[in-house]
Amino acid sequence: MKAGWQEEKLGDVCSYLNRGLSPKYLETGGMCVINQRCIRDHRINYQLARRHDVVAKAVSAERYVQLGDVLVNSTGTGTLGRVAQVREAPPEPTTVDSHITIVRPQPGKFYSDFFGYMLVFIEEAIKAAGDGCGGQTELARSVLAESFSVRYPSSKAEQERIVAILDEAFDGIAAASTSAEENRQNSRALFESLLEAVFIQRGQGWVEKPLNELCEFKHGFAFKSEFFAASGHYVLLTPGNFFERGGYRDRGEKQKYYDGDIPKGYVLAEGDLLVAMTEQAAGLLGSPILVPESDKFLHNQRLGLVVPKDGVAWCNEFFFHVFNTQRVRKEIHESASGVKVRHTSPTKMGEVSVAFPPTVAEQLSIVRKLNAYATKAERLEIIYQQKLAALNELKKSLLHQAFSGNL
């Protein structure tokens, strides 16, 4: 280790390290209480905080969030390990709920913002230290205190020097990341605007009819959960395979397979068009996918298989784009019922009117143009995604240099 630097357990350099309380929630009034949703990208979003009834349950002094505290998400798959430092005084008296750990440095030991960067540096290790399963991953206080070591220069002046370098570098990276993210979103928005233009301008001879005159929506099968598997030949399509702007996506390690008997007629073919009839995630309802491969994917319940009627000029690829237009998605969404999870039905979707050219040849011509636009947009999106990944790696590299004493 570089001269003038020390290494200690995290718990040994803290004056307070403990979880928050289990709040008694209020809609208005009371005290601001930060939850896991508030902590993201090393920032605290107080607008997502909730309210705690301090009359029903008092808040001890040490649980008041203080300037310089680091807040660590300590439960949940995907949220555990996120850290954010309180670099400005909270806008009002504030505490945290029981899913967050307050990590407070010993007074006078650190230049305040250096302590925050010190926790950011070990964030990935914290994320990997959770224990549990089924979405209930936990990070025990004792693990956070005893299992993580932190490095720091004894000189607070040196700590301040390092913070100044990191602040300047991270501000530049944040600006570049914001620009890359805007460009990534703009590349997708460009394609979506072109898609909308095609269906607004239409073409000579286009017709408009309700979907129930053109096709039927066939319900999937309620496959038994006892036969779900982590691997296998047959992929069980779920809402997780859909995404908001339409299309199929592989769920990776979360992909569901099926190892039981399969009723006849529920194995899908390449190019089959399905539409989500339930909204288990925001924006999902009405989202379409084209099945990427034959004899591999199963037609699950709440997914409507689109079957064109005899004699109708119908191209699945064209109507995939139809279901992605704002107007059609809006009308399908408005046809749904339900509070927490909205559902629609084949009958309700059949009442939605769509515009289309009257021949398959014309539909295919439009598909080729839209696919060419989509390919260009995807290339741009990939480029900007790669830039974002490179900027993230640069942050990690700078932190590594800083806490190796080489900055």
Protein backbone atom coordinates (compact mmCIF):
# COMPACT_ATOMS: atom_id res chain seq x y z
CA MET A 1 0.00 0.00 0.00
CA LYS A 2 1.18 3.51 -0.80
CA ALA A 3 2.91 5.39 2.01
CA GLY A 4 0.51 7.51 4.03
CA TRP A 5 -2.47 5.25 3.29
CA GLN A 6 -4.39 3.01 5.69
CA GLU A 7 -6.76 0.08 5.32
CA GLU A 8 -9.48 -0.70 7.87
CA LYS A 9 -12.77 -2.52 8.10
CA LEU A 10 -15.70 -0.31 7.16
CA GLY A 11 -17.32 -0.79 10.56
CA ASP A 12 -14.17 0.49 12.31
CA VAL A 13 -14.25 3.87 10.55
CA CYS A 14 -17.96 4.54 11.19
CA SER A 15 -19.69 6.21 14.11
CA TYR A 16 -23.05 4.75 13.08
CA LEU A 17 -23.95 1.89 10.75
CA ASN A 18 -27.51 0.62 10.97
CA ARG A 19 -30.77 0.07 9.13
CA GLY A 20 -33.65 2.51 9.19
CA LEU A 21 -37.10 1.98 10.66
CA SER A 22 -40.29 0.25 9.52
CA PRO A 23 -42.42 3.32 8.78
CA LYS A 24 -46.03 4.04 9.66
CA TYR A 25 -46.97 5.59 6.36
CA LEU A 26 -49.01 8.74 5.82
CA GLU A 27 -50.22 10.29 2.60
CA THR A 28 -49.41 13.81 3.79
CA GLY A 29 -47.66 15.42 6.74
CA GLY A 30 -45.28 13.56 8.97
CA MET A 31 -41.60 13.06 8.17
CA CYS A 32 -39.80 12.39 4.90
CA VAL A 33 -38.64 8.74 4.68
CA ILE A 34 -36.30 7.60 1.92
CA ASN A 35 -36.87 4.20 0.29
CA GLN A 36 -34.84 2.12 -2.17
CA ARG A 37 -36.42 3.73 -5.22
CA CYS A 38 -34.92 7.06 -4.12
CA ILE A 39 -31.33 5.78 -4.51
CA ARG A 40 -30.03 5.45 -8.06
CA ASP A 41 -26.91 6.48 -9.96
CA HIS A 42 -25.30 7.62 -6.68
CA ARG A 43 -27.99 10.26 -6.21
CA ILE A 44 -30.95 10.66 -3.84
CA ASN A 45 -34.30 11.55 -5.37
CA TYR A 46 -36.36 13.03 -2.56
CA GLN A 47 -39.41 13.31 -4.82
CA LEU A 48 -39.83 9.52 -4.62
CA ALA A 49 -39.73 9.53 -0.82
CA ARG A 50 -42.80 8.76 1.31
CA ARG A 51 -44.12 10.15 4.62
CA HIS A 52 -43.77 8.64 8.11
CA ASP A 53 -46.09 9.20 11.08
CA VAL A 54 -43.73 10.33 13.85
CA VAL A 55 -46.59 10.38 16.36
CA ALA A 56 -47.29 6.67 15.86
CA LYS A 57 -43.57 5.81 15.89
CA ALA A 58 -40.85 8.17 17.08
CA VAL A 59 -37.58 8.49 15.16
CA SER A 60 -34.41 8.36 17.25
CA ALA A 61 -31.82 11.08 16.72
CA GLU A 62 -29.22 8.80 15.10
CA ARG A 63 -31.74 7.79 12.41
CA TYR A 64 -32.09 11.34 11.13
CA VAL A 65 -30.19 11.56 7.84
CA GLN A 66 -27.16 13.84 8.20
CA LEU A 67 -24.90 15.66 5.77
CA GLY A 68 -22.09 13.28 4.79
CA ASP A 69 -24.03 10.06 5.46
CA VAL A 70 -23.87 7.33 2.83
CA LEU A 71 -27.11 5.44 2.24
CA VAL A 72 -26.85 1.81 1.11
CA ASN A 73 -29.77 -0.18 -0.30
CA SER A 74 -29.68 -3.38 1.74
CA THR A 75 -32.45 -5.59 0.33
CA GLY A 76 -33.86 -6.73 -2.99
CA THR A 77 -32.60 -8.27 -6.20
CA GLY A 78 -31.46 -5.49 -8.52
CA THR A 79 -31.59 -2.78 -5.86
CA LEU A 80 -29.26 -4.16 -3.17
CA GLY A 81 -25.90 -2.41 -2.96
CA ARG A 82 -26.77 0.90 -4.58
CA VAL A 83 -25.07 3.71 -2.67
CA ALA A 84 -25.53 7.46 -2.53
CA GLN A 85 -23.98 10.08 -0.31
CA VAL A 86 -25.87 12.97 1.24
CA ARG A 87 -23.68 15.73 -0.22
CA GLU A 88 -26.22 18.47 0.46
CA ALA A 89 -28.35 18.82 3.58
CA PRO A 90 -31.79 17.19 3.14
CA PRO A 91 -34.54 19.72 2.32
CA GLU A 92 -36.39 18.76 5.54
CA PRO A 93 -35.93 16.38 8.50
CA THR A 94 -35.50 12.98 6.87
CA THR A 95 -35.01 9.33 7.81
CA VAL A 96 -34.74 6.03 5.91
CA ASP A 97 -36.83 2.87 5.94
CA SER A 98 -35.68 -0.57 7.06
CA HIS A 99 -34.43 -1.52 3.58
CA ILE A 100 -31.65 1.08 3.73
CA THR A 101 -28.53 1.22 5.89
CA ILE A 102 -27.16 4.54 7.11
CA VAL A 103 -23.34 4.52 7.01
CA ARG A 104 -21.97 7.48 8.97
CA PRO A 105 -18.21 8.21 9.18
CA GLN A 106 -16.38 9.00 12.39
CA PRO A 107 -16.27 12.77 12.94
CA GLY A 108 -13.10 14.42 11.69
CA LYS A 109 -11.63 11.28 10.13
CA PHE A 110 -12.50 12.01 6.50
CA TYR A 111 -12.96 14.83 4.09
CA SER A 112 -16.71 14.28 3.77
CA ASP A 113 -17.03 13.70 0.02
CA PHE A 114 -14.05 11.35 0.02
CA PHE A 115 -16.00 9.01 2.30
CA GLY A 116 -18.79 8.93 -0.31
CA TYR A 117 -16.41 8.01 -3.13
CA MET A 118 -14.89 5.35 -0.88
CA LEU A 119 -18.28 3.59 -0.72
CA VAL A 120 -18.90 4.05 -4.45
CA PHE A 121 -15.59 2.27 -5.07
CA ILE A 122 -16.77 -0.87 -3.23
CA GLU A 123 -20.35 -0.70 -4.54
CA GLU A 124 -20.01 -3.67 -6.92
CA ALA A 125 -18.62 -5.82 -4.10
CA ILE A 126 -21.52 -4.78 -1.88
CA LYS A 127 -24.01 -5.75 -4.58
CA ALA A 128 -22.46 -9.23 -4.75
CA ALA A 129 -22.56 -9.76 -0.99
CA GLY A 130 -26.31 -10.16 -0.54
CA ASP A 131 -27.72 -13.39 0.83
CA GLY A 132 -31.10 -14.97 0.07
CA CYS A 133 -33.30 -15.78 -2.90
CA GLY A 134 -36.74 -15.21 -4.39
CA GLY A 135 -36.36 -11.45 -4.55
CA GLN A 136 -35.60 -11.26 -0.79
CA THR A 137 -31.86 -10.76 -1.02
CA GLU A 138 -30.52 -9.18 2.18
CA LEU A 139 -27.30 -7.46 3.21
CA ALA A 140 -26.80 -7.89 6.94
CA ARG A 141 -25.41 -5.00 8.95
CA SER A 142 -22.63 -7.26 10.25
CA VAL A 143 -21.59 -8.18 6.70
CA LEU A 144 -21.37 -4.54 5.68
CA ALA A 145 -19.39 -3.65 8.80
CA GLU A 146 -17.02 -6.64 8.92
CA SER A 147 -16.60 -7.97 5.39
CA PHE A 148 -15.52 -4.80 3.59
CA SER A 149 -12.23 -3.02 3.95
CA VAL A 150 -11.69 0.58 2.86
CA ARG A 151 -8.47 2.34 1.88
CA TYR A 152 -7.78 5.99 2.51
CA PRO A 153 -4.91 8.45 2.94
CA SER A 154 -4.48 9.70 6.49
CA SER A 155 -4.14 13.27 5.23
CA LYS A 156 -7.52 14.99 4.80
CA ALA A 157 -5.80 17.43 2.43
CA GLU A 158 -4.88 14.49 0.20
CA GLN A 159 -8.44 13.21 0.43
CA GLU A 160 -9.70 16.62 -0.67
CA ARG A 161 -7.25 16.67 -3.59
CA ILE A 162 -8.51 13.29 -4.79
CA VAL A 163 -12.14 14.43 -4.48
CA ALA A 164 -11.43 17.51 -6.59
CA ILE A 165 -9.99 15.34 -9.38
CA LEU A 166 -12.83 12.82 -9.22
CA ASP A 167 -15.51 15.52 -9.10
CA GLU A 168 -14.16 17.20 -12.23
CA ALA A 169 -13.75 13.91 -14.07
CA PHE A 170 -17.15 12.55 -13.03
CA ASP A 171 -18.90 15.80 -13.99
CA GLY A 172 -17.39 15.46 -17.47
CA ILE A 173 -18.37 11.78 -17.68
CA ALA A 174 -21.91 12.61 -16.51
CA ALA A 175 -22.27 15.26 -19.23
CA ALA A 176 -20.95 12.85 -21.87
CA SER A 177 -23.26 10.09 -20.60
CA THR A 178 -26.27 12.39 -20.71
CA SER A 179 -25.45 13.31 -24.30
CA ALA A 180 -24.93 9.67 -25.32
CA GLU A 181 -28.19 8.63 -23.65
CA GLU A 182 -30.10 11.43 -25.38
CA ASN A 183 -28.63 10.39 -28.73
CA ARG A 184 -29.50 6.74 -28.01
CA GLN A 185 -33.09 7.68 -27.28
CA ASN A 186 -33.23 9.99 -30.28
CA SER A 187 -32.16 7.19 -32.62
CA ARG A 188 -35.14 5.13 -31.43
CA ALA A 189 -37.45 8.16 -31.53
CA LEU A 190 -36.42 8.79 -35.16
CA PHE A 191 -37.60 5.33 -36.19
CA GLU A 192 -40.82 5.70 -34.22
CA SER A 193 -41.57 9.02 -35.93
CA LEU A 194 -40.99 7.41 -39.34
CA LEU A 195 -43.30 4.55 -38.35
CA GLU A 196 -46.03 6.98 -37.33
CA ALA A 197 -45.59 8.95 -40.56
CA VAL A 198 -46.22 5.83 -42.66
CA PHE A 199 -49.56 5.19 -40.96
CA ILE A 200 -50.64 8.83 -40.82
CA GLN A 201 -49.86 9.63 -44.47
CA ARG A 202 -50.93 6.18 -45.67
CA GLY A 203 -51.04 5.60 -49.39
CA GLN A 204 -53.42 5.39 -52.29
CA GLY A 205 -55.96 2.61 -51.90
CA TRP A 206 -55.42 2.02 -48.17
CA VAL A 207 -58.47 0.75 -46.31
CA GLU A 208 -59.50 0.82 -42.66
CA LYS A 209 -61.33 -2.01 -40.91
CA PRO A 210 -61.81 -3.36 -37.38
CA LEU A 211 -59.46 -6.19 -36.50
CA ASN A 212 -62.35 -8.61 -35.93
CA GLU A 213 -63.01 -8.51 -39.71
CA LEU A 214 -59.38 -9.36 -40.44
CA CYS A 215 -58.20 -11.82 -37.81
CA GLU A 216 -58.88 -13.77 -34.63
CA PHE A 217 -56.92 -13.73 -31.36
CA LYS A 218 -56.33 -17.23 -30.06
CA HIS A 219 -55.75 -17.64 -26.30
CA GLY A 220 -52.66 -19.49 -25.06
CA PHE A 221 -52.55 -22.43 -22.67
CA ALA A 222 -52.25 -22.21 -18.87
CA PHE A 223 -49.07 -24.25 -18.51
CA LYS A 224 -48.62 -25.74 -15.05
CA SER A 225 -45.98 -23.99 -12.92
CA GLU A 226 -44.84 -27.31 -11.42
CA PHE A 227 -43.25 -28.14 -14.78
CA PHE A 228 -41.42 -24.81 -15.20
CA ALA A 229 -37.66 -25.36 -15.53
CA ALA A 230 -34.43 -23.35 -15.66
CA SER A 231 -33.33 -25.06 -18.87
CA GLY A 232 -34.73 -27.27 -21.60
CA HIS A 233 -35.81 -27.32 -25.24
CA TYR A 234 -39.15 -25.50 -25.04
CA VAL A 235 -39.17 -21.84 -24.05
CA LEU A 236 -42.29 -20.70 -22.24
CA LEU A 237 -43.11 -17.21 -23.51
CA THR A 238 -43.95 -14.81 -20.68
CA PRO A 239 -44.51 -11.03 -20.43
CA GLY A 240 -40.80 -10.78 -19.68
CA ASN A 241 -40.11 -11.75 -23.32
CA PHE A 242 -42.01 -8.65 -24.49
CA PHE A 243 -40.91 -5.06 -24.20
CA GLU A 244 -42.67 -1.76 -24.58
CA ARG A 245 -41.79 -0.85 -28.14
CA GLY A 246 -42.54 -4.33 -29.43
CA GLY A 247 -40.39 -7.33 -30.26
CA TYR A 248 -39.02 -10.50 -28.69
CA ARG A 249 -36.16 -10.49 -26.19
CA ASP A 250 -34.29 -13.35 -24.60
CA ARG A 251 -34.50 -13.17 -20.80
CA GLY A 252 -31.09 -14.79 -20.27
CA GLU A 253 -30.85 -16.44 -16.86
CA LYS A 254 -34.49 -15.52 -16.16
CA GLN A 255 -35.77 -17.37 -19.22
CA LYS A 256 -38.49 -19.90 -18.39
CA TYR A 257 -38.54 -23.39 -19.91
CA TYR A 258 -41.19 -26.12 -19.76
CA ASP A 259 -40.62 -29.78 -19.01
CA GLY A 260 -44.17 -31.15 -18.96
CA ASP A 261 -46.62 -32.53 -21.52
CA ILE A 262 -47.55 -29.99 -24.20
CA PRO A 263 -51.09 -29.94 -25.61
CA LYS A 264 -51.38 -30.07 -29.39
CA GLY A 265 -51.47 -26.69 -31.09
CA TYR A 266 -49.48 -24.68 -28.56
CA VAL A 267 -46.01 -24.99 -30.10
CA LEU A 268 -45.39 -21.85 -32.14
CA ALA A 269 -43.87 -21.47 -35.61
CA GLU A 270 -41.29 -18.93 -36.78
CA GLY A 271 -42.98 -15.70 -37.79
CA ASP A 272 -46.12 -16.23 -35.70
CA LEU A 273 -47.48 -12.92 -34.42
CA LEU A 274 -48.49 -12.63 -30.75
CA VAL A 275 -49.90 -9.70 -28.80
CA ALA A 276 -49.76 -9.23 -25.01
CA MET A 277 -53.28 -9.11 -23.54
CA THR A 278 -52.14 -8.29 -20.03
CA GLU A 279 -50.03 -5.44 -18.66
CA GLN A 280 -47.73 -6.95 -16.06
CA ALA A 281 -45.26 -4.14 -16.75
CA ALA A 282 -45.83 -0.54 -17.79
CA GLY A 283 -46.46 -0.16 -21.53
CA LEU A 284 -46.71 -3.89 -22.15
CA LEU A 285 -50.39 -4.17 -23.06
CA GLY A 286 -50.81 -4.65 -26.82
CA SER A 287 -47.08 -5.12 -27.38
CA PRO A 288 -46.42 -7.53 -30.30
CA ILE A 289 -43.68 -10.05 -31.01
CA LEU A 290 -42.78 -12.19 -34.00
CA VAL A 291 -41.68 -15.68 -32.95
CA PRO A 292 -37.99 -16.02 -33.91
CA GLU A 293 -37.81 -19.80 -34.39
CA SER A 294 -40.09 -22.80 -35.03
CA ASP A 295 -40.65 -25.74 -32.67
CA LYS A 296 -39.10 -24.01 -29.67
CA PHE A 297 -41.54 -21.49 -28.17
CA LEU A 298 -44.80 -22.26 -26.35
CA HIS A 299 -48.00 -20.23 -26.61
CA ASN A 300 -48.68 -19.23 -23.01
CA GLN A 301 -51.91 -17.83 -21.53
CA ARG A 302 -52.68 -14.09 -21.80
CA LEU A 303 -50.81 -13.95 -25.09
CA GLY A 304 -53.02 -13.63 -28.15
CA LEU A 305 -51.89 -15.54 -31.26
CA VAL A 306 -53.04 -13.50 -34.26
CA VAL A 307 -54.66 -15.75 -36.89
CA PRO A 308 -55.75 -14.01 -40.13
CA LYS A 309 -59.13 -14.93 -41.58
CA ASP A 310 -59.43 -16.70 -44.91
CA GLY A 311 -59.23 -14.41 -47.91
CA VAL A 312 -57.70 -11.48 -46.02
CA ALA A 313 -54.54 -9.90 -47.46
CA TRP A 314 -52.34 -10.27 -44.39
CA CYS A 315 -48.58 -10.11 -43.73
CA ASN A 316 -47.57 -10.76 -40.11
CA GLU A 317 -44.51 -8.50 -40.39
CA PHE A 318 -46.64 -5.59 -41.58
CA PHE A 319 -49.23 -6.01 -38.83
CA PHE A 320 -46.42 -6.30 -36.28
CA HIS A 321 -45.70 -2.65 -37.15
CA VAL A 322 -49.42 -1.85 -37.04
CA PHE A 323 -49.58 -3.01 -33.41
CA ASN A 324 -46.61 -0.77 -32.61
CA THR A 325 -48.29 2.44 -33.74
CA GLN A 326 -49.30 4.88 -31.02
CA ARG A 327 -52.98 4.98 -32.00
CA VAL A 328 -53.48 1.21 -32.00
CA ARG A 329 -51.57 0.76 -28.73
CA LYS A 330 -53.61 3.57 -27.14
CA GLU A 331 -56.93 2.03 -28.22
CA ILE A 332 -55.93 -1.43 -26.96
CA HIS A 333 -54.87 0.08 -23.65
CA GLU A 334 -58.18 1.95 -23.33
CA SER A 335 -60.08 -1.26 -24.03
CA ALA A 336 -58.55 -2.93 -20.97
CA SER A 337 -59.98 -3.27 -17.47
CA GLY A 338 -58.41 -3.88 -14.08
CA VAL A 339 -56.68 -1.77 -11.45
CA LYS A 340 -53.31 -3.22 -10.46
CA VAL A 341 -52.94 -5.35 -13.61
CA ARG A 342 -54.91 -4.37 -16.70
CA HIS A 343 -56.25 -6.99 -19.10
CA THR A 344 -57.95 -6.90 -22.46
CA SER A 345 -59.71 -9.63 -24.44
CA PRO A 346 -59.90 -10.89 -28.05
CA THR A 347 -63.36 -9.31 -28.35
CA LYS A 348 -62.19 -5.89 -27.20
CA MET A 349 -59.05 -5.95 -29.35
CA GLY A 350 -61.17 -6.99 -32.31
CA GLU A 351 -63.07 -3.68 -32.08
CA VAL A 352 -59.89 -1.66 -32.76
CA SER A 353 -59.76 -0.36 -36.34
CA VAL A 354 -56.52 -0.43 -38.34
CA ALA A 355 -55.43 0.99 -41.68
CA PHE A 356 -53.51 -1.10 -44.23
CA PRO A 357 -52.80 -1.44 -47.98
CA PRO A 358 -55.06 -4.02 -49.62
CA THR A 359 -52.38 -6.33 -51.05
CA VAL A 360 -49.64 -8.41 -49.45
CA ALA A 361 -47.17 -7.07 -52.01
CA GLU A 362 -47.78 -3.49 -50.86
CA GLN A 363 -47.54 -4.53 -47.22
CA LEU A 364 -44.19 -6.25 -47.86
CA SER A 365 -42.87 -3.15 -49.63
CA ILE A 366 -43.61 -1.06 -46.54
CA VAL A 367 -42.09 -3.75 -44.29
CA ARG A 368 -38.81 -3.59 -46.24
CA LYS A 369 -38.63 0.19 -45.84
CA LEU A 370 -39.46 0.09 -42.12
CA ASN A 371 -37.00 -2.73 -41.51
CA ALA A 372 -34.26 -0.71 -43.22
CA TYR A 373 -35.07 2.28 -40.98
CA ALA A 374 -35.11 0.01 -37.92
CA THR A 375 -31.71 -1.47 -38.79
CA LYS A 376 -30.15 2.00 -39.02
CA ALA A 377 -31.75 3.06 -35.75
CA GLU A 378 -30.55 -0.11 -34.01
CA ARG A 379 -26.99 0.45 -35.24
CA LEU A 380 -26.99 3.97 -33.86
CA GLU A 381 -28.52 2.75 -30.61
CA ILE A 382 -25.79 0.11 -30.26
CA ILE A 383 -23.07 2.70 -30.91
CA TYR A 384 -24.40 4.99 -28.19
CA GLN A 385 -24.92 2.07 -25.83
CA GLN A 386 -21.28 1.13 -26.34
CA LYS A 387 -20.28 4.72 -25.54
CA LEU A 388 -22.27 4.58 -22.33
CA ALA A 389 -20.58 1.31 -21.37
CA ALA A 390 -17.15 2.80 -22.13
CA LEU A 391 -17.89 5.84 -19.95
CA ASN A 392 -18.98 3.56 -17.12
CA GLU A 393 -15.73 1.61 -17.41
CA LEU A 394 -13.80 4.89 -17.34
CA LYS A 395 -15.46 5.75 -14.01
CA LYS A 396 -14.44 2.37 -12.59
CA SER A 397 -10.89 2.86 -13.83
CA LEU A 398 -10.62 6.31 -12.22
CA LEU A 399 -11.93 4.96 -8.91
CA HIS A 400 -9.46 2.08 -9.04
CA GLN A 401 -6.57 4.51 -9.60
CA ALA A 402 -7.86 6.81 -6.84
CA PHE A 403 -8.05 4.06 -4.23
CA SER A 404 -4.81 2.46 -5.28
CA GLY A 405 -3.06 5.75 -4.49
CA ASN A 406 -2.20 6.39 -8.15
CA LEU A 407 -4.32 9.42 -8.91
